[in-house]
Amino acid sequence: MDQVVASELSPGDVVRVDDPQAHRVERILIADGQVVLELRPVGLAAPDPVRVRLPAGRLIDRLGTSHD
């Protein structure tokens, strides 16, 4: 597990934001000092991604990548 700045995430990264559930990053949009992440929970079927808006400098727990 690494702590990384939200703006340094990439699609395929597996992260924890504010809960113990791990999520896979699907898309990232950076604008106006904010990062919008589209996430899908790992190990759970979810029809729609969860969108989270965070400050670009916020620290996120990166657990690895979906390729690990």
N, C-alpha and C. Protein backbone atom coordinates (compact mmCIF):
# COMPACT_ATOMS: atom_id res chain seq x y z
N MET A 1 0.84 -1.17 0.00
CA MET A 1 0.00 0.00 0.00
C MET A 1 0.89 1.24 0.00
N ASP A 2 0.56 2.19 -0.84
CA ASP A 2 1.25 3.47 -0.91
C ASP A 2 0.23 4.58 -0.71
N GLN A 3 0.68 5.69 -0.15
CA GLN A 3 -0.17 6.88 -0.16
C GLN A 3 0.32 7.75 -1.30
N VAL A 4 -0.61 8.09 -2.19
CA VAL A 4 -0.27 8.91 -3.35
C VAL A 4 -1.22 10.09 -3.41
N VAL A 5 -0.81 11.11 -4.12
CA VAL A 5 -1.65 12.28 -4.34
C VAL A 5 -2.71 11.90 -5.37
N ALA A 6 -3.95 12.31 -5.13
CA ALA A 6 -5.07 11.93 -5.99
C ALA A 6 -4.80 12.22 -7.47
N SER A 7 -4.13 13.33 -7.76
CA SER A 7 -3.88 13.69 -9.17
C SER A 7 -2.86 12.78 -9.84
N GLU A 8 -2.19 11.90 -9.08
CA GLU A 8 -1.19 10.98 -9.66
C GLU A 8 -1.75 9.58 -9.91
N LEU A 9 -3.04 9.37 -9.66
CA LEU A 9 -3.64 8.06 -9.91
C LEU A 9 -3.79 7.81 -11.39
N SER A 10 -3.90 6.54 -11.76
CA SER A 10 -4.09 6.14 -13.14
C SER A 10 -5.23 5.13 -13.22
N PRO A 11 -5.90 5.05 -14.38
CA PRO A 11 -6.89 3.99 -14.54
C PRO A 11 -6.24 2.63 -14.29
N GLY A 12 -6.96 1.78 -13.59
CA GLY A 12 -6.44 0.46 -13.23
C GLY A 12 -5.88 0.40 -11.82
N ASP A 13 -5.61 1.57 -11.21
CA ASP A 13 -5.15 1.57 -9.82
C ASP A 13 -6.27 1.07 -8.91
N VAL A 14 -5.91 0.37 -7.86
CA VAL A 14 -6.86 -0.08 -6.85
C VAL A 14 -6.62 0.77 -5.61
N VAL A 15 -7.69 1.44 -5.14
CA VAL A 15 -7.54 2.44 -4.08
C VAL A 15 -8.58 2.25 -2.98
N ARG A 16 -8.31 2.89 -1.85
CA ARG A 16 -9.28 3.08 -0.78
C ARG A 16 -9.40 4.58 -0.59
N VAL A 17 -10.64 5.07 -0.53
CA VAL A 17 -10.84 6.50 -0.35
C VAL A 17 -11.26 6.79 1.09
N ASP A 18 -12.51 6.60 1.43
CA ASP A 18 -12.98 6.91 2.78
C ASP A 18 -13.63 5.73 3.48
N ASP A 19 -13.53 4.55 2.91
CA ASP A 19 -14.11 3.37 3.53
C ASP A 19 -13.18 2.19 3.32
N PRO A 20 -13.42 1.06 3.97
CA PRO A 20 -12.51 -0.08 3.83
C PRO A 20 -12.62 -0.81 2.49
N GLN A 21 -13.67 -0.53 1.70
CA GLN A 21 -13.86 -1.19 0.41
C GLN A 21 -12.80 -0.72 -0.58
N ALA A 22 -12.17 -1.65 -1.25
CA ALA A 22 -11.22 -1.32 -2.31
C ALA A 22 -12.00 -1.04 -3.59
N HIS A 23 -11.55 -0.06 -4.35
CA HIS A 23 -12.18 0.31 -5.62
C HIS A 23 -11.12 0.36 -6.71
N ARG A 24 -11.53 0.00 -7.93
CA ARG A 24 -10.65 0.11 -9.09
C ARG A 24 -10.97 1.43 -9.80
N VAL A 25 -9.95 2.21 -10.10
CA VAL A 25 -10.13 3.47 -10.81
C VAL A 25 -10.39 3.17 -12.28
N GLU A 26 -11.51 3.67 -12.79
CA GLU A 26 -11.84 3.47 -14.20
C GLU A 26 -11.51 4.70 -15.05
N ARG A 27 -11.84 5.89 -14.54
CA ARG A 27 -11.57 7.13 -15.27
C ARG A 27 -11.15 8.20 -14.28
N ILE A 28 -10.39 9.16 -14.82
CA ILE A 28 -9.93 10.28 -14.01
C ILE A 28 -10.08 11.56 -14.84
N LEU A 29 -10.62 12.59 -14.21
CA LEU A 29 -10.70 13.91 -14.82
C LEU A 29 -10.13 14.90 -13.82
N ILE A 30 -9.20 15.74 -14.27
CA ILE A 30 -8.59 16.74 -13.40
C ILE A 30 -8.94 18.11 -13.97
N ALA A 31 -9.58 18.94 -13.14
CA ALA A 31 -9.95 20.29 -13.57
C ALA A 31 -10.11 21.19 -12.36
N ASP A 32 -9.63 22.41 -12.48
CA ASP A 32 -9.80 23.43 -11.44
C ASP A 32 -9.33 22.96 -10.06
N GLY A 33 -8.22 22.26 -10.01
CA GLY A 33 -7.67 21.82 -8.73
C GLY A 33 -8.42 20.67 -8.08
N GLN A 34 -9.32 20.05 -8.83
CA GLN A 34 -10.10 18.93 -8.32
C GLN A 34 -9.87 17.71 -9.20
N VAL A 35 -10.03 16.55 -8.59
CA VAL A 35 -9.93 15.28 -9.30
C VAL A 35 -11.29 14.58 -9.19
N VAL A 36 -11.83 14.18 -10.32
CA VAL A 36 -13.06 13.39 -10.32
C VAL A 36 -12.67 11.97 -10.71
N LEU A 37 -12.94 11.02 -9.80
CA LEU A 37 -12.63 9.62 -10.05
C LEU A 37 -13.91 8.85 -10.31
N GLU A 38 -13.89 7.99 -11.31
CA GLU A 38 -14.96 7.01 -11.49
C GLU A 38 -14.40 5.69 -11.00
N LEU A 39 -15.06 5.10 -10.00
CA LEU A 39 -14.57 3.91 -9.31
C LEU A 39 -15.58 2.78 -9.38
N ARG A 40 -15.09 1.56 -9.39
CA ARG A 40 -15.94 0.36 -9.25
C ARG A 40 -15.40 -0.46 -8.09
N PRO A 41 -16.28 -0.95 -7.22
CA PRO A 41 -15.81 -1.76 -6.10
C PRO A 41 -15.17 -3.06 -6.58
N VAL A 42 -14.10 -3.44 -5.95
CA VAL A 42 -13.41 -4.70 -6.29
C VAL A 42 -14.17 -5.85 -5.62
N GLY A 43 -14.50 -6.88 -6.40
CA GLY A 43 -15.15 -8.06 -5.86
C GLY A 43 -16.66 -7.95 -5.76
N LEU A 44 -17.23 -6.82 -6.16
CA LEU A 44 -18.68 -6.64 -6.13
C LEU A 44 -19.17 -6.23 -7.51
N ALA A 45 -20.33 -6.74 -7.90
CA ALA A 45 -20.92 -6.34 -9.17
C ALA A 45 -21.67 -5.03 -8.97
N ALA A 46 -21.28 -4.00 -9.69
CA ALA A 46 -21.94 -2.70 -9.61
C ALA A 46 -22.25 -2.25 -11.03
N PRO A 47 -23.53 -1.99 -11.33
CA PRO A 47 -23.89 -1.62 -12.70
C PRO A 47 -23.34 -0.25 -13.11
N ASP A 48 -23.20 0.67 -12.17
CA ASP A 48 -22.72 2.01 -12.48
C ASP A 48 -21.51 2.35 -11.61
N PRO A 49 -20.58 3.12 -12.16
CA PRO A 49 -19.43 3.52 -11.35
C PRO A 49 -19.85 4.54 -10.30
N VAL A 50 -19.06 4.62 -9.26
CA VAL A 50 -19.23 5.63 -8.21
C VAL A 50 -18.33 6.80 -8.60
N ARG A 51 -18.85 8.01 -8.54
CA ARG A 51 -18.03 9.19 -8.84
C ARG A 51 -17.69 9.91 -7.54
N VAL A 52 -16.42 10.24 -7.41
CA VAL A 52 -15.92 10.91 -6.22
C VAL A 52 -15.13 12.14 -6.66
N ARG A 53 -15.41 13.28 -6.04
CA ARG A 53 -14.67 14.52 -6.34
C ARG A 53 -13.79 14.84 -5.13
N LEU A 54 -12.49 15.04 -5.40
CA LEU A 54 -11.51 15.27 -4.33
C LEU A 54 -10.57 16.41 -4.71
N PRO A 55 -9.98 17.07 -3.72
CA PRO A 55 -8.91 18.03 -4.04
C PRO A 55 -7.74 17.28 -4.68
N ALA A 56 -7.10 17.91 -5.67
CA ALA A 56 -6.02 17.25 -6.41
C ALA A 56 -4.87 16.82 -5.50
N GLY A 57 -4.64 17.53 -4.40
CA GLY A 57 -3.53 17.21 -3.50
C GLY A 57 -3.88 16.24 -2.39
N ARG A 58 -5.10 15.73 -2.38
CA ARG A 58 -5.53 14.81 -1.32
C ARG A 58 -4.76 13.50 -1.40
N LEU A 59 -4.35 12.95 -0.26
CA LEU A 59 -3.66 11.66 -0.24
C LEU A 59 -4.68 10.53 -0.29
N ILE A 60 -4.37 9.53 -1.09
CA ILE A 60 -5.22 8.36 -1.30
C ILE A 60 -4.38 7.13 -1.02
N ASP A 61 -4.98 6.10 -0.44
CA ASP A 61 -4.30 4.82 -0.25
C ASP A 61 -4.39 4.02 -1.56
N ARG A 62 -3.25 3.83 -2.21
CA ARG A 62 -3.22 2.99 -3.41
C ARG A 62 -2.75 1.61 -2.99
N LEU A 63 -3.58 0.61 -3.24
CA LEU A 63 -3.29 -0.76 -2.82
C LEU A 63 -2.50 -1.52 -3.88
N GLY A 64 -2.52 -1.05 -5.10
CA GLY A 64 -1.84 -1.70 -6.21
C GLY A 64 -2.54 -1.34 -7.49
N THR A 65 -2.39 -2.20 -8.50
CA THR A 65 -3.11 -2.01 -9.76
C THR A 65 -3.88 -3.28 -10.07
N SER A 66 -4.84 -3.18 -10.96
CA SER A 66 -5.63 -4.34 -11.32
C SER A 66 -4.79 -5.38 -12.05
N HIS A 67 -3.57 -5.02 -12.44
CA HIS A 67 -2.67 -5.96 -13.12
C HIS A 67 -1.80 -6.74 -12.15
N ASP A 68 -1.78 -6.32 -10.87
CA ASP A 68 -0.94 -7.00 -9.85
C ASP A 68 -1.50 -8.36 -9.48
